[in-house]
């Protein structure tokens, strides 16, 4: 026979809302750590000019970003729910939420939010660096293709648009496997 539960056995709705928000922030932080790891892998693939690995890594990154987008929406809802539970405006800032919480719980929320902010900024910076490296690799590869095309065309003359002019077709082949 089960005993009826007393009200003290159940956490108040404010604690539930706070723990839900904290859990989402924790999950987001882990997601950004994974994103940073995949950005490092992508940078290494670009450095090695491993053109087969780059799209695979980009797919993984897209899945992580999609998941982070969903978590961000959930975080906004959880923040509004917590604000409502605290009797605040649902659009309250994190600072306003923290001011209405016991110090230890508020401090934990602030620490996680600050860590998440740092991870987001680092991910943005790292993605920018990788994008620049990827663009440089693409320009390099285009230059190589243009150089090979110029060599095979036999003209070696640039046209008005800065591209090598087409010459008479030369029947030739290049072994790029070695």
C-alpha atoms as a PDB file:
ATOM      1  CA  UNK A   1       0.000   0.000   0.000  1.00  0.00           C
ATOM      2  CA  UNK A   2       1.443   3.383  -0.971  1.00  0.00           C
ATOM      3  CA  UNK A   3       1.232   6.279   1.368  1.00  0.00           C
ATOM      4  CA  UNK A   4      -0.208   9.513   0.058  1.00  0.00           C
ATOM      5  CA  UNK A   5       2.519  12.025  -0.602  1.00  0.00           C
ATOM      6  CA  UNK A   6       2.769  15.195   1.363  1.00  0.00           C
ATOM      7  CA  UNK A   7       3.197  18.556  -0.329  1.00  0.00           C
ATOM      8  CA  UNK A   8       6.755  18.861   1.016  1.00  0.00           C
ATOM      9  CA  UNK A   9       7.809  15.801  -0.998  1.00  0.00           C
ATOM     10  CA  UNK A  10       7.258  17.649  -4.287  1.00  0.00           C
ATOM     11  CA  UNK A  11       9.507  20.518  -5.361  1.00  0.00           C
ATOM     12  CA  UNK A  12       7.696  23.807  -5.808  1.00  0.00           C
ATOM     13  CA  UNK A  13       6.962  24.861  -9.414  1.00  0.00           C
ATOM     14  CA  UNK A  14       9.637  27.569  -9.199  1.00  0.00           C
ATOM     15  CA  UNK A  15      12.325  24.964  -8.477  1.00  0.00           C
ATOM     16  CA  UNK A  16      11.075  22.790 -11.336  1.00  0.00           C
ATOM     17  CA  UNK A  17      11.170  25.756 -13.748  1.00  0.00           C
ATOM     18  CA  UNK A  18      14.636  26.746 -12.542  1.00  0.00           C
ATOM     19  CA  UNK A  19      16.000  23.214 -12.886  1.00  0.00           C
ATOM     20  CA  UNK A  20      14.527  22.938 -16.382  1.00  0.00           C
ATOM     21  CA  UNK A  21      16.251  26.192 -17.402  1.00  0.00           C
ATOM     22  CA  UNK A  22      19.524  25.069 -15.801  1.00  0.00           C
ATOM     23  CA  UNK A  23      19.328  21.714 -17.585  1.00  0.00           C
ATOM     24  CA  UNK A  24      18.791  23.406 -20.956  1.00  0.00           C
ATOM     25  CA  UNK A  25      21.769  25.716 -20.345  1.00  0.00           C
ATOM     26  CA  UNK A  26      23.901  22.688 -19.412  1.00  0.00           C
ATOM     27  CA  UNK A  27      22.849  20.874 -22.596  1.00  0.00           C
ATOM     28  CA  UNK A  28      23.522  23.954 -24.715  1.00  0.00           C
ATOM     29  CA  UNK A  29      27.002  24.306 -23.242  1.00  0.00           C
ATOM     30  CA  UNK A  30      27.735  20.679 -24.097  1.00  0.00           C
ATOM     31  CA  UNK A  31      26.399  21.252 -27.628  1.00  0.00           C
ATOM     32  CA  UNK A  32      28.718  24.202 -28.142  1.00  0.00           C
ATOM     33  CA  UNK A  33      31.655  22.132 -26.875  1.00  0.00           C
ATOM     34  CA  UNK A  34      30.808  19.502 -29.493  1.00  0.00           C
ATOM     35  CA  UNK A  35      30.490  22.198 -32.140  1.00  0.00           C
ATOM     36  CA  UNK A  36      33.933  23.522 -31.234  1.00  0.00           C
ATOM     37  CA  UNK A  37      35.363  20.005 -31.503  1.00  0.00           C
ATOM     38  CA  UNK A  38      33.859  19.595 -34.964  1.00  0.00           C
ATOM     39  CA  UNK A  39      35.209  23.008 -35.996  1.00  0.00           C
ATOM     40  CA  UNK A  40      38.692  21.831 -34.949  1.00  0.00           C
ATOM     41  CA  UNK A  41      38.233  18.685 -37.055  1.00  0.00           C
ATOM     42  CA  UNK A  42      37.094  20.808 -39.987  1.00  0.00           C
ATOM     43  CA  UNK A  43      40.098  23.112 -39.647  1.00  0.00           C
ATOM     44  CA  UNK A  44      42.431  20.099 -39.656  1.00  0.00           C
ATOM     45  CA  UNK A  45      40.696  18.698 -42.750  1.00  0.00           C
ATOM     46  CA  UNK A  46      41.104  22.029 -44.544  1.00  0.00           C
ATOM     47  CA  UNK A  47      44.744  22.228 -43.462  1.00  0.00           C
ATOM     48  CA  UNK A  48      45.329  18.776 -44.939  1.00  0.00           C
ATOM     49  CA  UNK A  49      43.197  19.682 -48.003  1.00  0.00           C
ATOM     50  CA  UNK A  50      41.086  16.599 -47.245  1.00  0.00           C
ATOM     51  CA  UNK A  51      38.211  17.592 -49.487  1.00  0.00           C
ATOM     52  CA  UNK A  52      36.274  14.400 -48.761  1.00  0.00           C
ATOM     53  CA  UNK A  53      36.163  14.988 -44.998  1.00  0.00           C
ATOM     54  CA  UNK A  54      35.007  18.624 -45.132  1.00  0.00           C
ATOM     55  CA  UNK A  55      31.406  17.946 -46.302  1.00  0.00           C
ATOM     56  CA  UNK A  56      30.993  15.109 -43.801  1.00  0.00           C
ATOM     57  CA  UNK A  57      32.119  17.359 -40.961  1.00  0.00           C
ATOM     58  CA  UNK A  58      29.852  20.136 -42.241  1.00  0.00           C
ATOM     59  CA  UNK A  59      26.876  17.747 -42.060  1.00  0.00           C
ATOM     60  CA  UNK A  60      27.705  16.942 -38.437  1.00  0.00           C
ATOM     61  CA  UNK A  61      28.006  20.650 -37.672  1.00  0.00           C
ATOM     62  CA  UNK A  62      24.626  21.329 -39.266  1.00  0.00           C
ATOM     63  CA  UNK A  63      23.006  18.693 -37.057  1.00  0.00           C
ATOM     64  CA  UNK A  64      24.616  20.236 -33.970  1.00  0.00           C
ATOM     65  CA  UNK A  65      23.506  23.742 -34.992  1.00  0.00           C
ATOM     66  CA  UNK A  66      19.947  22.528 -35.633  1.00  0.00           C
ATOM     67  CA  UNK A  67      19.868  20.942 -32.171  1.00  0.00           C
ATOM     68  CA  UNK A  68      21.259  24.137 -30.612  1.00  0.00           C
ATOM     69  CA  UNK A  69      18.551  26.165 -32.348  1.00  0.00           C
ATOM     70  CA  UNK A  70      15.868  23.937 -30.821  1.00  0.00           C
ATOM     71  CA  UNK A  71      17.517  24.193 -27.399  1.00  0.00           C
ATOM     72  CA  UNK A  72      17.640  27.973 -27.731  1.00  0.00           C
ATOM     73  CA  UNK A  73      13.881  28.057 -28.346  1.00  0.00           C
ATOM     74  CA  UNK A  74      13.343  25.802 -25.325  1.00  0.00           C
ATOM     75  CA  UNK A  75      15.613  28.020 -23.218  1.00  0.00           C
ATOM     76  CA  UNK A  76      13.524  31.069 -24.078  1.00  0.00           C
ATOM     77  CA  UNK A  77      10.332  29.255 -23.081  1.00  0.00           C
ATOM     78  CA  UNK A  78      11.938  27.976 -19.865  1.00  0.00           C
ATOM     79  CA  UNK A  79      13.115  31.506 -19.023  1.00  0.00           C
ATOM     80  CA  UNK A  80       9.610  32.879 -19.529  1.00  0.00           C
ATOM     81  CA  UNK A  81       8.163  30.058 -17.422  1.00  0.00           C
ATOM     82  CA  UNK A  82      10.608  30.766 -14.606  1.00  0.00           C
ATOM     83  CA  UNK A  83       9.850  34.482 -14.757  1.00  0.00           C
ATOM     84  CA  UNK A  84       6.139  33.758 -14.535  1.00  0.00           C
ATOM     85  CA  UNK A  85       6.695  31.421 -11.560  1.00  0.00           C
ATOM     86  CA  UNK A  86       8.681  34.175  -9.852  1.00  0.00           C
ATOM     87  CA  UNK A  87       5.880  36.675 -10.503  1.00  0.00           C
ATOM     88  CA  UNK A  88       8.001  38.657 -12.966  1.00  0.00           C
ATOM     89  CA  UNK A  89       7.367  39.884 -16.477  1.00  0.00           C
ATOM     90  CA  UNK A  90       7.792  36.876 -18.818  1.00  0.00           C
ATOM     91  CA  UNK A  91      10.287  38.931 -20.858  1.00  0.00           C
ATOM     92  CA  UNK A  92      12.523  39.540 -17.821  1.00  0.00           C
ATOM     93  CA  UNK A  93      16.272  39.468 -18.294  1.00  0.00           C
ATOM     94  CA  UNK A  94      18.517  36.867 -16.739  1.00  0.00           C
ATOM     95  CA  UNK A  95      19.745  39.491 -14.298  1.00  0.00           C
ATOM     96  CA  UNK A  96      16.173  40.130 -13.156  1.00  0.00           C
ATOM     97  CA  UNK A  97      15.545  36.404 -12.743  1.00  0.00           C
ATOM     98  CA  UNK A  98      18.725  35.962 -10.701  1.00  0.00           C
ATOM     99  CA  UNK A  99      17.815  38.868  -8.423  1.00  0.00           C
ATOM    100  CA  UNK A 100      14.589  37.039  -7.543  1.00  0.00           C
ATOM    101  CA  UNK A 101      16.269  33.724  -6.745  1.00  0.00           C
ATOM    102  CA  UNK A 102      18.137  32.543  -3.661  1.00  0.00           C
ATOM    103  CA  UNK A 103      21.776  33.573  -4.022  1.00  0.00           C
ATOM    104  CA  UNK A 104      23.241  30.080  -4.500  1.00  0.00           C
ATOM    105  CA  UNK A 105      20.762  29.160  -7.243  1.00  0.00           C
ATOM    106  CA  UNK A 106      21.109  32.537  -8.912  1.00  0.00           C
ATOM    107  CA  UNK A 107      24.897  32.336  -8.867  1.00  0.00           C
ATOM    108  CA  UNK A 108      24.820  28.888 -10.477  1.00  0.00           C
ATOM    109  CA  UNK A 109      22.564  30.217 -13.222  1.00  0.00           C
ATOM    110  CA  UNK A 110      24.855  33.208 -13.811  1.00  0.00           C
ATOM    111  CA  UNK A 111      27.953  31.013 -14.017  1.00  0.00           C
ATOM    112  CA  UNK A 112      26.357  28.691 -16.566  1.00  0.00           C
ATOM    113  CA  UNK A 113      25.037  31.607 -18.627  1.00  0.00           C
ATOM    114  CA  UNK A 114      28.482  33.254 -18.642  1.00  0.00           C
ATOM    115  CA  UNK A 115      30.134  29.994 -19.690  1.00  0.00           C
ATOM    116  CA  UNK A 116      27.577  29.538 -22.450  1.00  0.00           C
ATOM    117  CA  UNK A 117      28.168  33.095 -23.675  1.00  0.00           C
ATOM    118  CA  UNK A 118      31.921  32.416 -23.863  1.00  0.00           C
ATOM    119  CA  UNK A 119      31.358  29.170 -25.767  1.00  0.00           C
ATOM    120  CA  UNK A 120      29.048  30.907 -28.260  1.00  0.00           C
ATOM    121  CA  UNK A 121      31.573  33.686 -28.878  1.00  0.00           C
ATOM    122  CA  UNK A 122      34.425  31.199 -29.253  1.00  0.00           C
ATOM    123  CA  UNK A 123      32.371  29.108 -31.705  1.00  0.00           C
ATOM    124  CA  UNK A 124      31.553  32.211 -33.778  1.00  0.00           C
ATOM    125  CA  UNK A 125      35.211  33.220 -33.860  1.00  0.00           C
ATOM    126  CA  UNK A 126      36.429  29.725 -34.739  1.00  0.00           C
ATOM    127  CA  UNK A 127      33.816  29.344 -37.486  1.00  0.00           C
ATOM    128  CA  UNK A 128      34.943  32.659 -38.936  1.00  0.00           C
ATOM    129  CA  UNK A 129      38.561  31.473 -38.957  1.00  0.00           C
ATOM    130  CA  UNK A 130      37.599  28.177 -40.604  1.00  0.00           C
ATOM    131  CA  UNK A 131      35.469  29.983 -43.187  1.00  0.00           C
ATOM    132  CA  UNK A 132      38.429  32.182 -44.084  1.00  0.00           C
ATOM    133  CA  UNK A 133      40.680  29.115 -44.358  1.00  0.00           C
ATOM    134  CA  UNK A 134      38.081  27.313 -46.478  1.00  0.00           C
ATOM    135  CA  UNK A 135      37.768  30.312 -48.786  1.00  0.00           C
ATOM    136  CA  UNK A 136      41.559  30.449 -49.126  1.00  0.00           C
ATOM    137  CA  UNK A 137      41.672  26.736 -49.967  1.00  0.00           C
ATOM    138  CA  UNK A 138      38.902  27.189 -52.552  1.00  0.00           C
ATOM    139  CA  UNK A 139      40.792  30.093 -54.172  1.00  0.00           C
ATOM    140  CA  UNK A 140      43.988  28.029 -54.157  1.00  0.00           C
ATOM    141  CA  UNK A 141      42.261  25.061 -55.791  1.00  0.00           C
ATOM    142  CA  UNK A 142      40.640  27.349 -58.391  1.00  0.00           C
ATOM    143  CA  UNK A 143      44.072  28.816 -59.128  1.00  0.00           C
ATOM    144  CA  UNK A 144      45.523  25.356 -59.603  1.00  0.00           C
ATOM    145  CA  UNK A 145      42.731  24.398 -61.966  1.00  0.00           C
ATOM    146  CA  UNK A 146      43.206  27.650 -63.872  1.00  0.00           C
ATOM    147  CA  UNK A 147      46.950  27.060 -64.071  1.00  0.00           C
ATOM    148  CA  UNK A 148      46.480  23.530 -65.382  1.00  0.00           C
ATOM    149  CA  UNK A 149      43.886  24.768 -67.892  1.00  0.00           C
ATOM    150  CA  UNK A 150      46.287  27.480 -69.045  1.00  0.00           C
ATOM    151  CA  UNK A 151      49.097  25.010 -69.433  1.00  0.00           C
ATOM    152  CA  UNK A 152      46.915  22.676 -71.427  1.00  0.00           C
ATOM    153  CA  UNK A 153      45.466  25.474 -73.572  1.00  0.00           C
ATOM    154  CA  UNK A 154      48.894  26.550 -74.685  1.00  0.00           C
ATOM    155  CA  UNK A 155      48.110  30.280 -74.754  1.00  0.00           C
ATOM    156  CA  UNK A 156      49.331  31.553 -71.402  1.00  0.00           C
ATOM    157  CA  UNK A 157      47.591  34.850 -72.198  1.00  0.00           C
ATOM    158  CA  UNK A 158      45.166  36.552 -69.839  1.00  0.00           C
ATOM    159  CA  UNK A 159      41.957  38.079 -71.138  1.00  0.00           C
ATOM    160  CA  UNK A 160      40.100  41.209 -69.943  1.00  0.00           C
ATOM    161  CA  UNK A 161      38.524  39.427 -66.967  1.00  0.00           C
ATOM    162  CA  UNK A 162      41.838  38.211 -65.586  1.00  0.00           C
ATOM    163  CA  UNK A 163      41.243  34.666 -66.750  1.00  0.00           C
ATOM    164  CA  UNK A 164      43.475  32.715 -69.080  1.00  0.00           C
ATOM    165  CA  UNK A 165      42.225  32.833 -72.652  1.00  0.00           C
ATOM    166  CA  UNK A 166      41.207  29.624 -74.263  1.00  0.00           C
ATOM    167  CA  UNK A 167      43.632  28.473 -76.878  1.00  0.00           C
ATOM    168  CA  UNK A 168      43.451  25.654 -79.310  1.00  0.00           C
ATOM    169  CA  UNK A 169      42.497  22.448 -77.544  1.00  0.00           C
ATOM    170  CA  UNK A 170      45.473  20.281 -76.757  1.00  0.00           C
ATOM    171  CA  UNK A 171      44.984  16.597 -76.462  1.00  0.00           C
ATOM    172  CA  UNK A 172      46.766  15.780 -73.234  1.00  0.00           C
ATOM    173  CA  UNK A 173      46.298  14.077 -69.950  1.00  0.00           C
ATOM    174  CA  UNK A 174      47.631  14.557 -66.463  1.00  0.00           C
ATOM    175  CA  UNK A 175      48.126  11.767 -63.969  1.00  0.00           C
ATOM    176  CA  UNK A 176      46.868  13.299 -60.688  1.00  0.00           C
ATOM    177  CA  UNK A 177      46.968  10.035 -58.773  1.00  0.00           C
ATOM    178  CA  UNK A 178      50.586  10.405 -57.733  1.00  0.00           C
END
